[in-house]
Structure formats: structure tokens, C-alpha cells
């Protein structure tokens, strides 16, 4: 499991969205991809699917967990305050 949180001062939050900042989905996916690489699974070649279930605010800790279903894929789940925020699966690049 990897923990991630975006600092409240991050420049992308000013426009996403004014008055109620939310961590952009692409930033959460980037954190997932980094966790996959750091865990030694290799490089992500393709996002097979992703489902954004709940918003994540600045400085909210997100727990990223990874599972290996085989066949060159990695499944991921991101929990925020114990609730599912994002789940999906990636395809890994061939070595």
C-alpha cells in the first residue's frame, strides 16, 4: 500500500475547481502509475479501465493498493477516508 496526498498549495487546484478544489483524476492516476513502477511491476502501457467513485480534496490521504491478477495486468484501488475513490486496471508494458 502506498499513501498519497496533494498539497493544498498545488497550482492545479486553483482552477480545479474554484471554491471547492478537487484533486484532478489525471493526478490520481499518475500517483497510481508511480506506485506500480515503485512496487517493481514495470511500466504502464495502457489504462484498461478506471472508475472514479468519489472526489478527493487537497491534503486528503489516499491509500493506493495494488493486486496482480496476472496476464501482464495490475488492478488498483484508491481509498480516501476508508471509502473507495478510484478503482481500475492497467496493462503493463512488455519487458
C-alpha atoms as a PDB file:
ATOM      1  CA  UNK A   1       0.000   0.000   0.000  1.00  0.00           C
ATOM      2  CA  UNK A   2       1.183   3.487  -0.882  1.00  0.00           C
ATOM      3  CA  UNK A   3      -0.108   6.729   0.598  1.00  0.00           C
ATOM      4  CA  UNK A   4      -0.541   9.880  -1.482  1.00  0.00           C
ATOM      5  CA  UNK A   5      -1.893  13.357  -0.796  1.00  0.00           C
ATOM      6  CA  UNK A   6      -1.768  16.559  -2.800  1.00  0.00           C
ATOM      7  CA  UNK A   7      -0.629  19.705  -1.002  1.00  0.00           C
ATOM      8  CA  UNK A   8      -3.286  22.419  -0.783  1.00  0.00           C
ATOM      9  CA  UNK A   9      -0.880  24.881  -2.421  1.00  0.00           C
ATOM     10  CA  UNK A  10      -0.500  22.808  -5.612  1.00  0.00           C
ATOM     11  CA  UNK A  11      -1.054  25.160  -8.589  1.00  0.00           C
ATOM     12  CA  UNK A  12      -3.559  22.905 -10.410  1.00  0.00           C
ATOM     13  CA  UNK A  13      -6.072  23.244  -7.569  1.00  0.00           C
ATOM     14  CA  UNK A  14      -6.727  26.935  -8.234  1.00  0.00           C
ATOM     15  CA  UNK A  15      -8.641  26.103 -11.410  1.00  0.00           C
ATOM     16  CA  UNK A  16      -9.986  22.695 -10.415  1.00  0.00           C
ATOM     17  CA  UNK A  17     -12.420  23.960  -9.088  1.00  0.00           C
ATOM     18  CA  UNK A  18     -12.578  27.497  -7.669  1.00  0.00           C
ATOM     19  CA  UNK A  19     -14.286  27.494  -4.280  1.00  0.00           C
ATOM     20  CA  UNK A  20     -14.154  23.681  -3.952  1.00  0.00           C
ATOM     21  CA  UNK A  21     -10.781  22.353  -5.015  1.00  0.00           C
ATOM     22  CA  UNK A  22     -10.589  18.717  -6.092  1.00  0.00           C
ATOM     23  CA  UNK A  23      -7.558  16.643  -6.987  1.00  0.00           C
ATOM     24  CA  UNK A  24      -7.749  16.074 -10.764  1.00  0.00           C
ATOM     25  CA  UNK A  25      -8.318  12.489 -11.835  1.00  0.00           C
ATOM     26  CA  UNK A  26      -5.219  12.537 -14.028  1.00  0.00           C
ATOM     27  CA  UNK A  27      -3.124  13.384 -10.950  1.00  0.00           C
ATOM     28  CA  UNK A  28      -4.589  10.435  -9.036  1.00  0.00           C
ATOM     29  CA  UNK A  29      -3.863   8.150 -11.984  1.00  0.00           C
ATOM     30  CA  UNK A  30      -0.300   9.449 -12.132  1.00  0.00           C
ATOM     31  CA  UNK A  31       0.100   8.550  -8.434  1.00  0.00           C
ATOM     32  CA  UNK A  32      -1.209   5.046  -9.202  1.00  0.00           C
ATOM     33  CA  UNK A  33       1.202   4.649 -12.143  1.00  0.00           C
ATOM     34  CA  UNK A  34       4.102   5.802  -9.949  1.00  0.00           C
ATOM     35  CA  UNK A  35       3.085   3.312  -7.241  1.00  0.00           C
ATOM     36  CA  UNK A  36       3.031   0.497  -9.816  1.00  0.00           C
ATOM     37  CA  UNK A  37       6.527   1.356 -11.021  1.00  0.00           C
ATOM     38  CA  UNK A  38       7.868   1.820  -7.470  1.00  0.00           C
ATOM     39  CA  UNK A  39       6.465  -1.592  -6.493  1.00  0.00           C
ATOM     40  CA  UNK A  40       8.612  -3.177  -9.213  1.00  0.00           C
ATOM     41  CA  UNK A  41       5.816  -4.139 -11.578  1.00  0.00           C
ATOM     42  CA  UNK A  42       7.306  -2.240 -14.519  1.00  0.00           C
ATOM     43  CA  UNK A  43       5.878   0.467 -16.728  1.00  0.00           C
ATOM     44  CA  UNK A  44       2.220   1.056 -17.525  1.00  0.00           C
ATOM     45  CA  UNK A  45       1.453   0.653 -21.224  1.00  0.00           C
ATOM     46  CA  UNK A  46      -2.296   1.206 -21.186  1.00  0.00           C
ATOM     47  CA  UNK A  47      -5.119   2.115 -18.851  1.00  0.00           C
ATOM     48  CA  UNK A  48      -7.657  -0.671 -19.363  1.00  0.00           C
ATOM     49  CA  UNK A  49     -10.366   0.988 -17.275  1.00  0.00           C
ATOM     50  CA  UNK A  50     -10.844   3.359 -14.362  1.00  0.00           C
ATOM     51  CA  UNK A  51     -13.859   4.303 -12.316  1.00  0.00           C
ATOM     52  CA  UNK A  52     -13.872   7.492 -10.274  1.00  0.00           C
ATOM     53  CA  UNK A  53     -16.349   6.941  -7.458  1.00  0.00           C
ATOM     54  CA  UNK A  54     -15.786   9.827  -5.027  1.00  0.00           C
ATOM     55  CA  UNK A  55     -13.962  13.160  -5.112  1.00  0.00           C
ATOM     56  CA  UNK A  56     -10.642  13.650  -3.346  1.00  0.00           C
ATOM     57  CA  UNK A  57      -9.783  17.016  -1.832  1.00  0.00           C
ATOM     58  CA  UNK A  58      -6.402  18.582  -1.207  1.00  0.00           C
ATOM     59  CA  UNK A  59      -4.380  17.102   1.653  1.00  0.00           C
ATOM     60  CA  UNK A  60      -6.741  14.139   1.972  1.00  0.00           C
ATOM     61  CA  UNK A  61      -4.661  10.970   2.284  1.00  0.00           C
ATOM     62  CA  UNK A  62      -5.313   8.377  -0.397  1.00  0.00           C
ATOM     63  CA  UNK A  63      -4.273   4.761   0.134  1.00  0.00           C
ATOM     64  CA  UNK A  64      -3.313   3.050  -3.113  1.00  0.00           C
ATOM     65  CA  UNK A  65      -3.412  -0.751  -3.097  1.00  0.00           C
ATOM     66  CA  UNK A  66      -2.310  -2.946  -5.983  1.00  0.00           C
ATOM     67  CA  UNK A  67      -3.125  -6.536  -6.916  1.00  0.00           C
ATOM     68  CA  UNK A  68      -1.693  -8.690  -9.669  1.00  0.00           C
ATOM     69  CA  UNK A  69      -4.460 -10.595 -11.490  1.00  0.00           C
ATOM     70  CA  UNK A  70      -1.869 -11.968 -13.929  1.00  0.00           C
ATOM     71  CA  UNK A  71      -1.564 -11.734 -17.709  1.00  0.00           C
ATOM     72  CA  UNK A  72       0.524  -8.542 -17.528  1.00  0.00           C
ATOM     73  CA  UNK A  73      -2.122  -6.547 -15.686  1.00  0.00           C
ATOM     74  CA  UNK A  74      -2.283  -4.703 -12.360  1.00  0.00           C
ATOM     75  CA  UNK A  75      -5.555  -3.839 -10.626  1.00  0.00           C
ATOM     76  CA  UNK A  76      -5.689  -0.856  -8.289  1.00  0.00           C
ATOM     77  CA  UNK A  77      -7.954   0.620  -5.622  1.00  0.00           C
ATOM     78  CA  UNK A  78      -7.662   4.058  -4.042  1.00  0.00           C
ATOM     79  CA  UNK A  79      -9.317   4.618  -0.677  1.00  0.00           C
ATOM     80  CA  UNK A  80      -9.880   8.039   0.853  1.00  0.00           C
ATOM     81  CA  UNK A  81     -11.102   8.147   4.472  1.00  0.00           C
ATOM     82  CA  UNK A  82     -11.900   4.442   4.162  1.00  0.00           C
ATOM     83  CA  UNK A  83     -14.181   4.915   1.142  1.00  0.00           C
ATOM     84  CA  UNK A  84     -13.449   3.896  -2.430  1.00  0.00           C
ATOM     85  CA  UNK A  85     -12.443   6.907  -4.536  1.00  0.00           C
ATOM     86  CA  UNK A  86     -10.970   5.217  -7.632  1.00  0.00           C
ATOM     87  CA  UNK A  87     -10.514   1.707  -8.969  1.00  0.00           C
ATOM     88  CA  UNK A  88      -9.342   0.214 -12.219  1.00  0.00           C
ATOM     89  CA  UNK A  89      -6.803  -1.840 -14.083  1.00  0.00           C
ATOM     90  CA  UNK A  90      -3.745  -1.219 -16.231  1.00  0.00           C
ATOM     91  CA  UNK A  91      -1.842  -3.261 -18.761  1.00  0.00           C
ATOM     92  CA  UNK A  92       1.919  -3.402 -18.273  1.00  0.00           C
ATOM     93  CA  UNK A  93       4.496  -2.814 -20.991  1.00  0.00           C
ATOM     94  CA  UNK A  94       6.311  -5.904 -22.201  1.00  0.00           C
ATOM     95  CA  UNK A  95       9.799  -6.216 -20.712  1.00  0.00           C
END
